[in-house]
């Protein structure tokens, strides 16, 4: 899809899948707004993209765990006259531990970022897209959306929310020209394990999907008008097979995989 003349906003763009989304959208001709906490990384990404592609990149340093940040982000784009045509809600993190052993502030920040900020940004930008007659929104979830996930209890539950929320709103807006898609990645090369405090063996990490491929799968689904996509055939097989497993066994299997 040619995005010449369009503006795409990517949250969590300082690394991993988010940075790959930004690069691939720029390659399609879109001007960019990239946001994350680490402004220095955003500026480096801006320089890289503007050297490669004839697009404009705007950097906004914001911490979306701050409840006021989504409204600030919308206000800054509106004040700059930037009408967002494509929104990629990619920002998020997880924490690996028993739920009761995680400091509440950490869990609260995770829920604010993974659920509340994503929902508010979807609401605010979908309203303006609907008024203009079209737009695209991608919300990044996880294969963890398909199962209860011990040791990532709030993360998995939050991603289940993202998946169900996105598909519901996609249905509501199906006749407005606004398209929503939920991307559910499996293990992917990113900083997620380090941030989560999850020590992944090198042999296991060698099987991870590249962030570039994951982003490409997501954008193909978004512009192909799909409501949900699981990245990679092995992850799709796993998500499909879970429907045949009793939930008690499903939870035990998830604990076995995510607890090691």
C-alpha atoms as a PDB file:
ATOM      1  CA  UNK A   1       0.000   0.000   0.000  1.00  0.00           C
ATOM      2  CA  UNK A   2       1.333   3.413  -0.978  1.00  0.00           C
ATOM      3  CA  UNK A   3       1.093   5.811   1.971  1.00  0.00           C
ATOM      4  CA  UNK A   4       2.420   8.893   0.183  1.00  0.00           C
ATOM      5  CA  UNK A   5       0.892  11.960   1.819  1.00  0.00           C
ATOM      6  CA  UNK A   6      -0.319  10.007   4.867  1.00  0.00           C
ATOM      7  CA  UNK A   7       0.863  10.445   8.473  1.00  0.00           C
ATOM      8  CA  UNK A   8       1.490   7.448  10.729  1.00  0.00           C
ATOM      9  CA  UNK A   9       1.898   7.551  14.512  1.00  0.00           C
ATOM     10  CA  UNK A  10       3.868   4.751  16.189  1.00  0.00           C
ATOM     11  CA  UNK A  11       4.046   4.397  19.965  1.00  0.00           C
ATOM     12  CA  UNK A  12       6.918   2.526  21.575  1.00  0.00           C
ATOM     13  CA  UNK A  13       9.021   3.304  18.497  1.00  0.00           C
ATOM     14  CA  UNK A  14      12.415   3.492  20.202  1.00  0.00           C
ATOM     15  CA  UNK A  15      13.256  -0.210  19.659  1.00  0.00           C
ATOM     16  CA  UNK A  16      12.053  -3.635  18.582  1.00  0.00           C
ATOM     17  CA  UNK A  17       8.821  -4.067  16.652  1.00  0.00           C
ATOM     18  CA  UNK A  18       7.928  -0.387  17.048  1.00  0.00           C
ATOM     19  CA  UNK A  19      11.090   0.807  15.312  1.00  0.00           C
ATOM     20  CA  UNK A  20      10.462  -1.733  12.533  1.00  0.00           C
ATOM     21  CA  UNK A  21       6.904  -0.459  12.091  1.00  0.00           C
ATOM     22  CA  UNK A  22       8.295   3.059  11.692  1.00  0.00           C
ATOM     23  CA  UNK A  23      10.882   1.993   9.096  1.00  0.00           C
ATOM     24  CA  UNK A  24       8.367   0.004   7.058  1.00  0.00           C
ATOM     25  CA  UNK A  25       5.730   2.741   7.098  1.00  0.00           C
ATOM     26  CA  UNK A  26       8.345   5.246   5.956  1.00  0.00           C
ATOM     27  CA  UNK A  27       9.336   2.881   3.143  1.00  0.00           C
ATOM     28  CA  UNK A  28       5.689   3.003   2.021  1.00  0.00           C
ATOM     29  CA  UNK A  29       5.897   6.803   1.856  1.00  0.00           C
ATOM     30  CA  UNK A  30       4.251   7.819   5.139  1.00  0.00           C
ATOM     31  CA  UNK A  31       5.432  10.774   7.186  1.00  0.00           C
ATOM     32  CA  UNK A  32       5.866   9.736  10.801  1.00  0.00           C
ATOM     33  CA  UNK A  33       5.194  10.729  14.375  1.00  0.00           C
ATOM     34  CA  UNK A  34       7.205   8.481  16.692  1.00  0.00           C
ATOM     35  CA  UNK A  35       6.860   8.496  20.442  1.00  0.00           C
ATOM     36  CA  UNK A  36       8.523   6.753  23.384  1.00  0.00           C
ATOM     37  CA  UNK A  37      10.260   7.616  26.662  1.00  0.00           C
ATOM     38  CA  UNK A  38      13.766   7.533  25.186  1.00  0.00           C
ATOM     39  CA  UNK A  39      13.952  10.650  23.057  1.00  0.00           C
ATOM     40  CA  UNK A  40      17.607  10.057  22.151  1.00  0.00           C
ATOM     41  CA  UNK A  41      16.698   6.773  20.460  1.00  0.00           C
ATOM     42  CA  UNK A  42      13.832   8.417  18.625  1.00  0.00           C
ATOM     43  CA  UNK A  43      16.147  11.116  17.300  1.00  0.00           C
ATOM     44  CA  UNK A  44      18.575   8.434  16.075  1.00  0.00           C
ATOM     45  CA  UNK A  45      15.701   6.624  14.365  1.00  0.00           C
ATOM     46  CA  UNK A  46      14.546   9.893  12.802  1.00  0.00           C
ATOM     47  CA  UNK A  47      17.994  10.552  11.347  1.00  0.00           C
ATOM     48  CA  UNK A  48      18.219   7.014   9.973  1.00  0.00           C
ATOM     49  CA  UNK A  49      14.777   7.100   8.354  1.00  0.00           C
ATOM     50  CA  UNK A  50      15.106  10.595   6.872  1.00  0.00           C
ATOM     51  CA  UNK A  51      18.425   9.624   5.289  1.00  0.00           C
ATOM     52  CA  UNK A  52      16.821   6.580   3.659  1.00  0.00           C
ATOM     53  CA  UNK A  53      13.400   7.898   2.699  1.00  0.00           C
ATOM     54  CA  UNK A  54      11.958  11.178   1.500  1.00  0.00           C
ATOM     55  CA  UNK A  55       9.662  11.572   4.519  1.00  0.00           C
ATOM     56  CA  UNK A  56       9.333  13.819   7.560  1.00  0.00           C
ATOM     57  CA  UNK A  57       9.676  12.362  11.057  1.00  0.00           C
ATOM     58  CA  UNK A  58       8.408  14.089  14.205  1.00  0.00           C
ATOM     59  CA  UNK A  59       9.711  12.870  17.579  1.00  0.00           C
ATOM     60  CA  UNK A  60       7.672  13.213  20.773  1.00  0.00           C
ATOM     61  CA  UNK A  61       9.202  12.089  24.039  1.00  0.00           C
ATOM     62  CA  UNK A  62       6.413  10.866  26.333  1.00  0.00           C
ATOM     63  CA  UNK A  63       5.921   8.242  29.022  1.00  0.00           C
ATOM     64  CA  UNK A  64       2.530   6.679  28.318  1.00  0.00           C
ATOM     65  CA  UNK A  65       2.377   5.171  31.810  1.00  0.00           C
ATOM     66  CA  UNK A  66       1.465   8.747  32.837  1.00  0.00           C
ATOM     67  CA  UNK A  67      -2.350   8.920  32.752  1.00  0.00           C
ATOM     68  CA  UNK A  68      -2.182  12.407  31.217  1.00  0.00           C
ATOM     69  CA  UNK A  69       0.179  11.384  28.389  1.00  0.00           C
ATOM     70  CA  UNK A  70      -2.362  10.124  25.798  1.00  0.00           C
ATOM     71  CA  UNK A  71      -4.237  13.426  25.864  1.00  0.00           C
ATOM     72  CA  UNK A  72      -0.902  15.273  25.656  1.00  0.00           C
ATOM     73  CA  UNK A  73       0.074  13.225  22.612  1.00  0.00           C
ATOM     74  CA  UNK A  74      -3.190  13.957  20.838  1.00  0.00           C
ATOM     75  CA  UNK A  75      -2.919  17.656  21.696  1.00  0.00           C
ATOM     76  CA  UNK A  76       0.645  17.875  20.372  1.00  0.00           C
ATOM     77  CA  UNK A  77      -0.242  16.251  17.060  1.00  0.00           C
ATOM     78  CA  UNK A  78      -3.306  18.454  16.651  1.00  0.00           C
ATOM     79  CA  UNK A  79      -1.400  21.638  17.524  1.00  0.00           C
ATOM     80  CA  UNK A  80       1.232  20.711  14.929  1.00  0.00           C
ATOM     81  CA  UNK A  81      -1.496  20.208  12.324  1.00  0.00           C
ATOM     82  CA  UNK A  82      -0.729  16.498  11.983  1.00  0.00           C
ATOM     83  CA  UNK A  83      -3.835  14.547  10.990  1.00  0.00           C
ATOM     84  CA  UNK A  84      -3.044  10.925  11.892  1.00  0.00           C
ATOM     85  CA  UNK A  85      -4.065   8.450   9.182  1.00  0.00           C
ATOM     86  CA  UNK A  86      -2.393   5.355  10.652  1.00  0.00           C
ATOM     87  CA  UNK A  87      -2.056   4.651  14.386  1.00  0.00           C
ATOM     88  CA  UNK A  88       0.175   1.835  15.627  1.00  0.00           C
ATOM     89  CA  UNK A  89      -0.432   1.206  19.337  1.00  0.00           C
ATOM     90  CA  UNK A  90       2.739  -0.772  19.951  1.00  0.00           C
ATOM     91  CA  UNK A  91       3.992   0.499  23.333  1.00  0.00           C
ATOM     92  CA  UNK A  92       3.811  -2.037  26.139  1.00  0.00           C
ATOM     93  CA  UNK A  93       5.775  -4.167  28.576  1.00  0.00           C
ATOM     94  CA  UNK A  94       5.439  -7.225  30.814  1.00  0.00           C
ATOM     95  CA  UNK A  95       6.839  -8.315  34.170  1.00  0.00           C
ATOM     96  CA  UNK A  96       7.659 -11.948  34.925  1.00  0.00           C
ATOM     97  CA  UNK A  97       6.931 -12.992  38.525  1.00  0.00           C
ATOM     98  CA  UNK A  98       4.175 -14.215  40.785  1.00  0.00           C
ATOM     99  CA  UNK A  99       1.465 -11.558  40.680  1.00  0.00           C
ATOM    100  CA  UNK A 100       1.511 -10.921  44.438  1.00  0.00           C
ATOM    101  CA  UNK A 101       5.305 -10.467  44.429  1.00  0.00           C
ATOM    102  CA  UNK A 102       5.306  -7.699  41.822  1.00  0.00           C
ATOM    103  CA  UNK A 103       5.211  -4.177  43.335  1.00  0.00           C
ATOM    104  CA  UNK A 104       1.772  -2.726  42.712  1.00  0.00           C
ATOM    105  CA  UNK A 105       3.214   0.412  41.124  1.00  0.00           C
ATOM    106  CA  UNK A 106       4.840  -1.761  38.450  1.00  0.00           C
ATOM    107  CA  UNK A 107       1.603  -3.594  37.710  1.00  0.00           C
ATOM    108  CA  UNK A 108      -0.360  -0.328  37.687  1.00  0.00           C
ATOM    109  CA  UNK A 109       2.058   1.189  35.154  1.00  0.00           C
ATOM    110  CA  UNK A 110       1.757  -1.925  32.992  1.00  0.00           C
ATOM    111  CA  UNK A 111      -2.042  -1.801  33.006  1.00  0.00           C
ATOM    112  CA  UNK A 112      -2.007   1.930  32.289  1.00  0.00           C
ATOM    113  CA  UNK A 113       0.284   1.484  29.283  1.00  0.00           C
ATOM    114  CA  UNK A 114      -0.942  -1.827  27.852  1.00  0.00           C
ATOM    115  CA  UNK A 115      -4.665  -1.194  28.312  1.00  0.00           C
ATOM    116  CA  UNK A 116      -5.715   2.329  29.295  1.00  0.00           C
ATOM    117  CA  UNK A 117      -3.368   4.376  27.084  1.00  0.00           C
ATOM    118  CA  UNK A 118      -4.010   2.071  24.117  1.00  0.00           C
ATOM    119  CA  UNK A 119      -7.769   2.375  24.599  1.00  0.00           C
ATOM    120  CA  UNK A 120      -7.697   6.156  24.985  1.00  0.00           C
ATOM    121  CA  UNK A 121      -5.518   6.671  21.913  1.00  0.00           C
ATOM    122  CA  UNK A 122      -7.756   4.361  19.897  1.00  0.00           C
ATOM    123  CA  UNK A 123     -10.819   6.311  21.046  1.00  0.00           C
ATOM    124  CA  UNK A 124      -9.422   9.762  20.367  1.00  0.00           C
ATOM    125  CA  UNK A 125      -7.857   9.027  16.976  1.00  0.00           C
ATOM    126  CA  UNK A 126     -10.691   6.770  15.767  1.00  0.00           C
ATOM    127  CA  UNK A 127     -13.129   9.644  16.354  1.00  0.00           C
ATOM    128  CA  UNK A 128     -11.181  11.982  14.083  1.00  0.00           C
ATOM    129  CA  UNK A 129     -10.590   9.233  11.509  1.00  0.00           C
ATOM    130  CA  UNK A 130     -14.310   8.473  11.406  1.00  0.00           C
ATOM    131  CA  UNK A 131     -15.084  12.163  10.907  1.00  0.00           C
ATOM    132  CA  UNK A 132     -12.626  12.250   7.974  1.00  0.00           C
ATOM    133  CA  UNK A 133     -14.041   9.047   6.483  1.00  0.00           C
ATOM    134  CA  UNK A 134     -11.129   6.672   6.954  1.00  0.00           C
ATOM    135  CA  UNK A 135      -7.991   5.543   8.738  1.00  0.00           C
ATOM    136  CA  UNK A 136      -6.114   2.525  10.061  1.00  0.00           C
ATOM    137  CA  UNK A 137      -5.385   1.475  13.661  1.00  0.00           C
ATOM    138  CA  UNK A 138      -3.245  -1.445  14.754  1.00  0.00           C
ATOM    139  CA  UNK A 139      -3.209  -2.596  18.379  1.00  0.00           C
ATOM    140  CA  UNK A 140      -0.380  -4.932  19.335  1.00  0.00           C
ATOM    141  CA  UNK A 141      -1.382  -7.785  21.651  1.00  0.00           C
ATOM    142  CA  UNK A 142       0.348 -11.184  22.028  1.00  0.00           C
ATOM    143  CA  UNK A 143      -0.270 -14.905  21.644  1.00  0.00           C
ATOM    144  CA  UNK A 144      -0.680 -14.592  25.415  1.00  0.00           C
ATOM    145  CA  UNK A 145      -4.117 -13.193  24.566  1.00  0.00           C
ATOM    146  CA  UNK A 146      -5.264 -16.766  23.898  1.00  0.00           C
ATOM    147  CA  UNK A 147      -4.555 -18.260  27.328  1.00  0.00           C
ATOM    148  CA  UNK A 148      -4.300 -17.489  31.049  1.00  0.00           C
ATOM    149  CA  UNK A 149      -0.594 -16.928  31.627  1.00  0.00           C
ATOM    150  CA  UNK A 150       0.842 -17.658  35.085  1.00  0.00           C
ATOM    151  CA  UNK A 151       3.903 -15.523  35.951  1.00  0.00           C
ATOM    152  CA  UNK A 152       2.609 -12.960  33.416  1.00  0.00           C
ATOM    153  CA  UNK A 153      -0.899 -12.804  34.851  1.00  0.00           C
ATOM    154  CA  UNK A 154      -1.727  -9.129  34.221  1.00  0.00           C
ATOM    155  CA  UNK A 155       0.200  -9.046  30.931  1.00  0.00           C
ATOM    156  CA  UNK A 156      -1.666 -12.002  29.421  1.00  0.00           C
ATOM    157  CA  UNK A 157      -5.022 -10.772  30.723  1.00  0.00           C
ATOM    158  CA  UNK A 158      -4.308  -7.315  29.325  1.00  0.00           C
ATOM    159  CA  UNK A 159      -3.491  -8.702  25.895  1.00  0.00           C
ATOM    160  CA  UNK A 160      -6.732 -10.697  25.907  1.00  0.00           C
ATOM    161  CA  UNK A 161      -8.485  -7.368  26.509  1.00  0.00           C
ATOM    162  CA  UNK A 162      -6.604  -5.773  23.596  1.00  0.00           C
ATOM    163  CA  UNK A 163      -7.603  -8.573  21.235  1.00  0.00           C
ATOM    164  CA  UNK A 164     -11.296  -8.584  22.194  1.00  0.00           C
ATOM    165  CA  UNK A 165     -11.510  -4.795  22.323  1.00  0.00           C
ATOM    166  CA  UNK A 166      -9.920  -4.374  18.888  1.00  0.00           C
ATOM    167  CA  UNK A 167     -12.136  -6.929  17.175  1.00  0.00           C
ATOM    168  CA  UNK A 168     -15.267  -5.413  18.759  1.00  0.00           C
ATOM    169  CA  UNK A 169     -14.429  -1.868  17.670  1.00  0.00           C
ATOM    170  CA  UNK A 170     -13.395  -3.120  14.214  1.00  0.00           C
ATOM    171  CA  UNK A 171     -16.920  -4.508  13.851  1.00  0.00           C
ATOM    172  CA  UNK A 172     -18.518  -1.273  15.053  1.00  0.00           C
ATOM    173  CA  UNK A 173     -16.517   0.833  12.578  1.00  0.00           C
ATOM    174  CA  UNK A 174     -16.634  -1.591   9.643  1.00  0.00           C
ATOM    175  CA  UNK A 175     -18.824   0.715   7.510  1.00  0.00           C
ATOM    176  CA  UNK A 176     -17.013   3.971   8.323  1.00  0.00           C
ATOM    177  CA  UNK A 177     -13.744   3.465   6.443  1.00  0.00           C
ATOM    178  CA  UNK A 178     -11.804   3.106   9.722  1.00  0.00           C
ATOM    179  CA  UNK A 179      -9.997  -0.243   9.857  1.00  0.00           C
ATOM    180  CA  UNK A 180      -8.713  -1.861  13.060  1.00  0.00           C
ATOM    181  CA  UNK A 181      -6.459  -4.874  13.374  1.00  0.00           C
ATOM    182  CA  UNK A 182      -4.966  -6.707  16.357  1.00  0.00           C
ATOM    183  CA  UNK A 183      -1.474  -8.177  15.939  1.00  0.00           C
ATOM    184  CA  UNK A 184      -0.644 -11.121  18.231  1.00  0.00           C
ATOM    185  CA  UNK A 185       3.111 -11.800  18.097  1.00  0.00           C
ATOM    186  CA  UNK A 186       4.732 -14.875  19.569  1.00  0.00           C
ATOM    187  CA  UNK A 187       8.361 -14.812  20.778  1.00  0.00           C
ATOM    188  CA  UNK A 188      10.008 -11.980  18.868  1.00  0.00           C
ATOM    189  CA  UNK A 189      13.457 -10.389  18.908  1.00  0.00           C
ATOM    190  CA  UNK A 190      13.086  -7.329  21.146  1.00  0.00           C
ATOM    191  CA  UNK A 191      13.964  -5.928  24.569  1.00  0.00           C
ATOM    192  CA  UNK A 192      10.810  -7.462  26.064  1.00  0.00           C
ATOM    193  CA  UNK A 193      12.540 -10.295  28.027  1.00  0.00           C
ATOM    194  CA  UNK A 194      15.105  -7.942  29.567  1.00  0.00           C
ATOM    195  CA  UNK A 195      12.430  -5.454  30.629  1.00  0.00           C
ATOM    196  CA  UNK A 196      10.269  -8.284  31.978  1.00  0.00           C
ATOM    197  CA  UNK A 197      13.151  -9.805  33.933  1.00  0.00           C
ATOM    198  CA  UNK A 198      12.869 -13.073  32.006  1.00  0.00           C
ATOM    199  CA  UNK A 199      16.167 -14.839  31.347  1.00  0.00           C
ATOM    200  CA  UNK A 200      15.719 -16.643  28.015  1.00  0.00           C
ATOM    201  CA  UNK A 201      18.347 -19.275  27.094  1.00  0.00           C
ATOM    202  CA  UNK A 202      20.318 -18.491  23.920  1.00  0.00           C
ATOM    203  CA  UNK A 203      19.079 -21.673  22.249  1.00  0.00           C
ATOM    204  CA  UNK A 204      15.460 -20.614  22.792  1.00  0.00           C
ATOM    205  CA  UNK A 205      16.109 -17.058  21.606  1.00  0.00           C
ATOM    206  CA  UNK A 206      17.525 -18.446  18.373  1.00  0.00           C
ATOM    207  CA  UNK A 207      13.970 -19.537  17.487  1.00  0.00           C
ATOM    208  CA  UNK A 208      12.476 -16.054  17.950  1.00  0.00           C
ATOM    209  CA  UNK A 209      10.916 -14.298  14.964  1.00  0.00           C
ATOM    210  CA  UNK A 210      12.665 -11.156  13.792  1.00  0.00           C
ATOM    211  CA  UNK A 211      10.964  -7.888  14.721  1.00  0.00           C
ATOM    212  CA  UNK A 212      11.134  -6.850  11.069  1.00  0.00           C
ATOM    213  CA  UNK A 213       9.153  -9.895   9.917  1.00  0.00           C
ATOM    214  CA  UNK A 214       6.620  -9.476  12.712  1.00  0.00           C
ATOM    215  CA  UNK A 215       5.976  -5.848  11.754  1.00  0.00           C
ATOM    216  CA  UNK A 216       5.633  -6.799   8.089  1.00  0.00           C
ATOM    217  CA  UNK A 217       3.010  -9.437   8.923  1.00  0.00           C
ATOM    218  CA  UNK A 218       1.113  -6.901  11.011  1.00  0.00           C
ATOM    219  CA  UNK A 219       1.037  -4.194   8.351  1.00  0.00           C
ATOM    220  CA  UNK A 220       0.002  -6.668   5.667  1.00  0.00           C
ATOM    221  CA  UNK A 221      -2.965  -7.692   7.831  1.00  0.00           C
ATOM    222  CA  UNK A 222      -3.861  -4.104   8.743  1.00  0.00           C
ATOM    223  CA  UNK A 223      -3.977  -2.917   5.151  1.00  0.00           C
ATOM    224  CA  UNK A 224      -5.605  -6.189   4.105  1.00  0.00           C
ATOM    225  CA  UNK A 225      -8.611  -5.326   6.311  1.00  0.00           C
ATOM    226  CA  UNK A 226      -8.111  -8.202   8.727  1.00  0.00           C
ATOM    227  CA  UNK A 227      -9.322  -7.781  12.316  1.00  0.00           C
ATOM    228  CA  UNK A 228      -6.786 -10.107  13.944  1.00  0.00           C
ATOM    229  CA  UNK A 229      -3.560 -11.833  12.960  1.00  0.00           C
ATOM    230  CA  UNK A 230      -1.160 -14.147  14.779  1.00  0.00           C
ATOM    231  CA  UNK A 231       2.399 -13.784  13.478  1.00  0.00           C
ATOM    232  CA  UNK A 232       4.011 -16.994  12.215  1.00  0.00           C
ATOM    233  CA  UNK A 233       2.518 -20.377  11.343  1.00  0.00           C
ATOM    234  CA  UNK A 234       3.761 -22.090  14.518  1.00  0.00           C
ATOM    235  CA  UNK A 235       2.099 -19.439  16.657  1.00  0.00           C
ATOM    236  CA  UNK A 236      -1.099 -19.749  14.594  1.00  0.00           C
ATOM    237  CA  UNK A 237      -1.073 -23.509  15.099  1.00  0.00           C
ATOM    238  CA  UNK A 238      -0.609 -23.056  18.840  1.00  0.00           C
ATOM    239  CA  UNK A 239      -3.397 -20.473  19.114  1.00  0.00           C
ATOM    240  CA  UNK A 240      -5.763 -22.676  17.115  1.00  0.00           C
ATOM    241  CA  UNK A 241      -4.965 -25.849  19.059  1.00  0.00           C
ATOM    242  CA  UNK A 242      -5.652 -24.111  22.382  1.00  0.00           C
ATOM    243  CA  UNK A 243      -9.348 -24.125  21.528  1.00  0.00           C
ATOM    244  CA  UNK A 244      -9.316 -27.908  21.898  1.00  0.00           C
ATOM    245  CA  UNK A 245      -7.607 -27.973  25.317  1.00  0.00           C
ATOM    246  CA  UNK A 246      -9.455 -27.707  28.678  1.00  0.00           C
ATOM    247  CA  UNK A 247      -8.686 -24.383  30.342  1.00  0.00           C
ATOM    248  CA  UNK A 248      -7.135 -26.005  33.417  1.00  0.00           C
ATOM    249  CA  UNK A 249      -4.655 -27.849  31.207  1.00  0.00           C
ATOM    250  CA  UNK A 250      -4.133 -24.724  29.117  1.00  0.00           C
ATOM    251  CA  UNK A 251      -3.114 -22.787  32.221  1.00  0.00           C
ATOM    252  CA  UNK A 252      -0.714 -25.531  33.316  1.00  0.00           C
ATOM    253  CA  UNK A 253       0.928 -25.609  29.896  1.00  0.00           C
ATOM    254  CA  UNK A 254       1.298 -21.822  29.887  1.00  0.00           C
ATOM    255  CA  UNK A 255       2.874 -21.992  33.344  1.00  0.00           C
ATOM    256  CA  UNK A 256       5.322 -24.616  32.127  1.00  0.00           C
ATOM    257  CA  UNK A 257       6.345 -22.551  29.106  1.00  0.00           C
ATOM    258  CA  UNK A 258       6.450 -19.099  30.699  1.00  0.00           C
ATOM    259  CA  UNK A 259       7.835 -20.159  34.056  1.00  0.00           C
ATOM    260  CA  UNK A 260      11.038 -21.546  32.570  1.00  0.00           C
END
